[in-house]
């Protein structure tokens, strides 16, 4: 079975945005955003994903990647 990999770190580098700035603009804690960035979550709310995409001016597919096992 495959899995979804979060590539938030790559998008943050492309947009030159720090964890602290993104967390503040999205409205979530640094700790929770760090977990998302480092792929330590098993779920993410669509509202959080939408807010991240809005701030980073990207599509969900720019952050989410399917990886076959």
Protein backbone atom coordinates (compact mmCIF):
# COMPACT_ATOMS: atom_id res chain seq x y z
CA UNK A 1 0.00 0.00 0.00
CA UNK A 2 1.27 3.46 -0.86
CA UNK A 3 1.40 6.49 1.37
CA UNK A 4 1.01 10.24 1.18
CA UNK A 5 4.14 12.31 1.77
CA UNK A 6 3.91 15.97 2.75
CA UNK A 7 6.37 18.19 0.89
CA UNK A 8 5.68 21.36 2.84
CA UNK A 9 9.36 21.88 3.56
CA UNK A 10 10.16 22.09 -0.16
CA UNK A 11 7.37 24.61 -0.80
CA UNK A 12 8.47 26.75 2.16
CA UNK A 13 12.01 26.92 0.73
CA UNK A 14 10.67 27.87 -2.71
CA UNK A 15 8.57 30.64 -1.16
CA UNK A 16 11.38 31.70 1.23
CA UNK A 17 9.04 31.47 4.22
CA UNK A 18 10.04 30.48 7.73
CA UNK A 19 8.14 28.07 9.93
CA UNK A 20 7.27 30.87 12.35
CA UNK A 21 5.94 33.17 9.63
CA UNK A 22 3.85 30.44 8.00
CA UNK A 23 2.45 29.26 11.34
CA UNK A 24 1.44 32.81 12.25
CA UNK A 25 -0.17 33.50 8.86
CA UNK A 26 -2.01 30.16 8.78
CA UNK A 27 -3.14 30.45 12.40
CA UNK A 28 -1.72 27.23 13.83
CA UNK A 29 0.99 26.59 16.40
CA UNK A 30 4.64 26.23 15.45
CA UNK A 31 4.61 22.74 16.97
CA UNK A 32 1.70 21.55 14.82
CA UNK A 33 3.13 23.10 11.67
CA UNK A 34 6.50 21.53 12.42
CA UNK A 35 4.82 18.11 12.66
CA UNK A 36 3.20 18.67 9.26
CA UNK A 37 6.47 19.92 7.75
CA UNK A 38 8.41 16.92 9.06
CA UNK A 39 5.79 14.35 8.00
CA UNK A 40 4.90 13.37 11.57
CA UNK A 41 1.13 13.50 11.12
CA UNK A 42 -1.34 10.86 10.01
CA UNK A 43 -4.08 13.35 9.10
CA UNK A 44 -4.48 16.99 8.17
CA UNK A 45 -7.70 18.99 8.11
CA UNK A 46 -8.77 20.28 4.74
CA UNK A 47 -9.21 23.73 6.28
CA UNK A 48 -5.58 23.69 7.43
CA UNK A 49 -4.39 22.46 4.04
CA UNK A 50 -6.45 25.17 2.32
CA UNK A 51 -4.99 27.87 4.59
CA UNK A 52 -1.45 26.66 3.90
CA UNK A 53 -2.11 26.67 0.16
CA UNK A 54 -3.59 30.16 0.36
CA UNK A 55 -0.59 31.58 2.21
CA UNK A 56 1.98 29.80 0.02
CA UNK A 57 0.00 30.51 -3.18
CA UNK A 58 0.11 26.89 -4.30
CA UNK A 59 -2.11 23.89 -5.01
CA UNK A 60 -2.62 20.96 -2.63
CA UNK A 61 -0.79 18.78 -5.17
CA UNK A 62 2.31 20.93 -4.68
CA UNK A 63 2.41 19.83 -1.04
CA UNK A 64 0.99 16.29 -1.18
CA UNK A 65 2.78 13.47 -2.98
CA UNK A 66 1.73 9.83 -3.38
CA UNK A 67 4.53 7.35 -2.90
CA UNK A 68 4.16 3.70 -3.90
CA UNK A 69 5.63 1.14 -1.53
